[in-house]
Amino acid sequence: MAIFNDLPLWQDKNVNKILEELCNKHGVPIEVLKDLVNIEREHQHKERAHGIYDDFDNTLSKMD
């Protein structure tokens, strides 16, 4: 699942390094952040974001 590759944010090595540092500082695995971005992007064009909260919960449960 690599929907975010088209975002400039993920292309910039300096920004990516800062994101990784922030994730480490706050105990959030970078993969969880990427998964959350992917979920949001998957649901953004839907009329209703049915199931988005379940997807968020499933992703965030990986942090336990």
N, C-alpha and C. Protein backbone atom coordinates (compact mmCIF):
# COMPACT_ATOMS: atom_id res chain seq x y z
N MET A 1 0.84 -1.17 0.00
CA MET A 1 0.00 0.00 0.00
C MET A 1 0.89 1.24 0.00
N ALA A 2 1.15 1.79 -1.15
CA ALA A 2 2.06 2.95 -1.24
C ALA A 2 1.41 4.07 -2.03
N ILE A 3 0.24 4.47 -1.60
CA ILE A 3 -0.50 5.53 -2.29
C ILE A 3 0.16 6.88 -2.11
N PHE A 4 0.90 7.06 -1.05
CA PHE A 4 1.48 8.37 -0.72
C PHE A 4 2.71 8.73 -1.53
N ASN A 5 3.22 7.85 -2.35
CA ASN A 5 4.46 8.12 -3.09
C ASN A 5 4.38 9.33 -4.00
N ASP A 6 3.17 9.74 -4.39
CA ASP A 6 3.04 10.91 -5.25
C ASP A 6 3.07 12.22 -4.47
N LEU A 7 3.05 12.16 -3.15
CA LEU A 7 3.08 13.38 -2.35
C LEU A 7 4.51 13.89 -2.22
N PRO A 8 4.72 15.18 -2.47
CA PRO A 8 6.08 15.75 -2.34
C PRO A 8 6.68 15.53 -0.96
N LEU A 9 5.82 15.49 0.05
CA LEU A 9 6.28 15.28 1.41
C LEU A 9 7.15 14.04 1.54
N TRP A 10 6.76 12.96 0.89
CA TRP A 10 7.48 11.71 1.01
C TRP A 10 8.69 11.64 0.09
N GLN A 11 8.80 12.56 -0.85
CA GLN A 11 9.92 12.59 -1.78
C GLN A 11 11.12 13.36 -1.22
N ASP A 12 10.86 14.29 -0.32
CA ASP A 12 11.90 15.15 0.24
C ASP A 12 12.60 14.44 1.40
N LYS A 13 13.88 14.15 1.23
CA LYS A 13 14.62 13.40 2.25
C LYS A 13 14.72 14.16 3.57
N ASN A 14 14.86 15.48 3.51
CA ASN A 14 14.96 16.27 4.73
C ASN A 14 13.64 16.25 5.51
N VAL A 15 12.55 16.41 4.80
CA VAL A 15 11.24 16.37 5.44
C VAL A 15 10.98 14.98 6.01
N ASN A 16 11.32 13.96 5.25
CA ASN A 16 11.12 12.59 5.71
C ASN A 16 11.92 12.32 6.98
N LYS A 17 13.13 12.85 7.03
CA LYS A 17 13.97 12.67 8.23
C LYS A 17 13.32 13.35 9.43
N ILE A 18 12.78 14.56 9.23
CA ILE A 18 12.11 15.27 10.31
C ILE A 18 10.88 14.50 10.79
N LEU A 19 10.11 13.97 9.84
CA LEU A 19 8.94 13.17 10.20
C LEU A 19 9.34 11.95 11.03
N GLU A 20 10.40 11.29 10.62
CA GLU A 20 10.88 10.12 11.36
C GLU A 20 11.31 10.52 12.77
N GLU A 21 12.01 11.64 12.89
CA GLU A 21 12.45 12.11 14.21
C GLU A 21 11.25 12.44 15.10
N LEU A 22 10.24 13.10 14.53
CA LEU A 22 9.04 13.42 15.30
C LEU A 22 8.28 12.16 15.72
N CYS A 23 8.20 11.22 14.81
CA CYS A 23 7.53 9.96 15.14
C CYS A 23 8.27 9.24 16.27
N ASN A 24 9.58 9.19 16.19
CA ASN A 24 10.38 8.56 17.24
C ASN A 24 10.19 9.28 18.57
N LYS A 25 10.20 10.61 18.53
CA LYS A 25 10.05 11.41 19.75
C LYS A 25 8.72 11.12 20.44
N HIS A 26 7.68 10.90 19.65
CA HIS A 26 6.35 10.72 20.21
C HIS A 26 5.89 9.26 20.23
N GLY A 27 6.80 8.35 19.90
CA GLY A 27 6.50 6.93 20.00
C GLY A 27 5.52 6.41 18.96
N VAL A 28 5.52 7.04 17.79
CA VAL A 28 4.63 6.61 16.72
C VAL A 28 5.49 6.02 15.60
N PRO A 29 5.33 4.75 15.31
CA PRO A 29 6.10 4.16 14.21
C PRO A 29 5.77 4.88 12.89
N ILE A 30 6.78 5.18 12.11
CA ILE A 30 6.59 5.88 10.85
C ILE A 30 5.64 5.13 9.93
N GLU A 31 5.64 3.82 10.01
CA GLU A 31 4.72 3.03 9.18
C GLU A 31 3.27 3.28 9.56
N VAL A 32 3.02 3.51 10.84
CA VAL A 32 1.66 3.82 11.28
C VAL A 32 1.23 5.17 10.69
N LEU A 33 2.11 6.14 10.73
CA LEU A 33 1.81 7.45 10.13
C LEU A 33 1.51 7.29 8.64
N LYS A 34 2.33 6.54 7.95
CA LYS A 34 2.12 6.33 6.51
C LYS A 34 0.79 5.61 6.25
N ASP A 35 0.47 4.62 7.09
CA ASP A 35 -0.80 3.91 6.94
C ASP A 35 -1.98 4.85 7.15
N LEU A 36 -1.88 5.75 8.14
CA LEU A 36 -2.96 6.69 8.40
C LEU A 36 -3.16 7.65 7.23
N VAL A 37 -2.06 8.10 6.64
CA VAL A 37 -2.15 8.96 5.46
C VAL A 37 -2.81 8.20 4.31
N ASN A 38 -2.42 6.96 4.13
CA ASN A 38 -3.01 6.14 3.07
C ASN A 38 -4.51 5.96 3.28
N ILE A 39 -4.91 5.69 4.50
CA ILE A 39 -6.33 5.51 4.79
C ILE A 39 -7.11 6.77 4.45
N GLU A 40 -6.60 7.90 4.89
CA GLU A 40 -7.26 9.18 4.59
C GLU A 40 -7.38 9.39 3.09
N ARG A 41 -6.33 9.11 2.36
CA ARG A 41 -6.35 9.32 0.91
C ARG A 41 -7.30 8.35 0.22
N GLU A 42 -7.40 7.13 0.74
CA GLU A 42 -8.32 6.16 0.16
C GLU A 42 -9.77 6.60 0.31
N HIS A 43 -10.07 7.30 1.38
CA HIS A 43 -11.44 7.68 1.69
C HIS A 43 -11.78 9.11 1.25
N GLN A 44 -10.83 9.91 0.84
CA GLN A 44 -11.06 11.33 0.62
C GLN A 44 -12.05 11.65 -0.50
N HIS A 45 -12.17 10.82 -1.49
CA HIS A 45 -13.06 11.13 -2.61
C HIS A 45 -14.40 10.40 -2.52
N LYS A 46 -14.59 9.68 -1.44
CA LYS A 46 -15.86 9.00 -1.25
C LYS A 46 -16.90 9.98 -0.71
N GLU A 47 -18.12 9.76 -1.08
CA GLU A 47 -19.20 10.61 -0.58
C GLU A 47 -19.32 10.46 0.94
N ARG A 48 -19.18 9.23 1.41
CA ARG A 48 -19.16 8.94 2.85
C ARG A 48 -17.91 8.12 3.13
N ALA A 49 -17.26 8.45 4.18
CA ALA A 49 -16.03 7.72 4.54
C ALA A 49 -16.38 6.52 5.42
N HIS A 50 -17.32 5.72 4.96
CA HIS A 50 -17.77 4.55 5.72
C HIS A 50 -16.59 3.61 5.98
N GLY A 51 -16.38 3.30 7.24
CA GLY A 51 -15.33 2.37 7.62
C GLY A 51 -14.00 3.02 7.95
N ILE A 52 -13.90 4.34 7.78
CA ILE A 52 -12.60 4.99 8.01
C ILE A 52 -12.17 4.86 9.47
N TYR A 53 -13.13 4.98 10.40
CA TYR A 53 -12.76 4.90 11.82
C TYR A 53 -12.30 3.49 12.19
N ASP A 54 -12.91 2.50 11.62
CA ASP A 54 -12.44 1.12 11.84
C ASP A 54 -11.03 0.95 11.30
N ASP A 55 -10.77 1.51 10.13
CA ASP A 55 -9.43 1.43 9.54
C ASP A 55 -8.41 2.15 10.42
N PHE A 56 -8.80 3.34 10.94
CA PHE A 56 -7.92 4.08 11.85
C PHE A 56 -7.65 3.25 13.10
N ASP A 57 -8.70 2.70 13.69
CA ASP A 57 -8.54 1.89 14.90
C ASP A 57 -7.63 0.69 14.67
N ASN A 58 -7.81 0.01 13.54
CA ASN A 58 -6.97 -1.15 13.23
C ASN A 58 -5.51 -0.73 13.09
N THR A 59 -5.27 0.39 12.44
CA THR A 59 -3.90 0.86 12.26
C THR A 59 -3.29 1.30 13.58
N LEU A 60 -4.05 2.05 14.36
CA LEU A 60 -3.52 2.53 15.64
C LEU A 60 -3.30 1.39 16.64
N SER A 61 -4.03 0.29 16.49
CA SER A 61 -3.84 -0.85 17.38
C SER A 61 -2.47 -1.50 17.16
N LYS A 62 -1.82 -1.20 16.04
CA LYS A 62 -0.47 -1.73 15.80
C LYS A 62 0.55 -1.13 16.75
N MET A 63 0.17 -0.02 17.39
CA MET A 63 1.10 0.65 18.31
C MET A 63 1.11 0.01 19.69
N ASP A 64 0.13 -0.83 19.98
CA ASP A 64 0.05 -1.46 21.31
C ASP A 64 1.15 -2.46 21.52
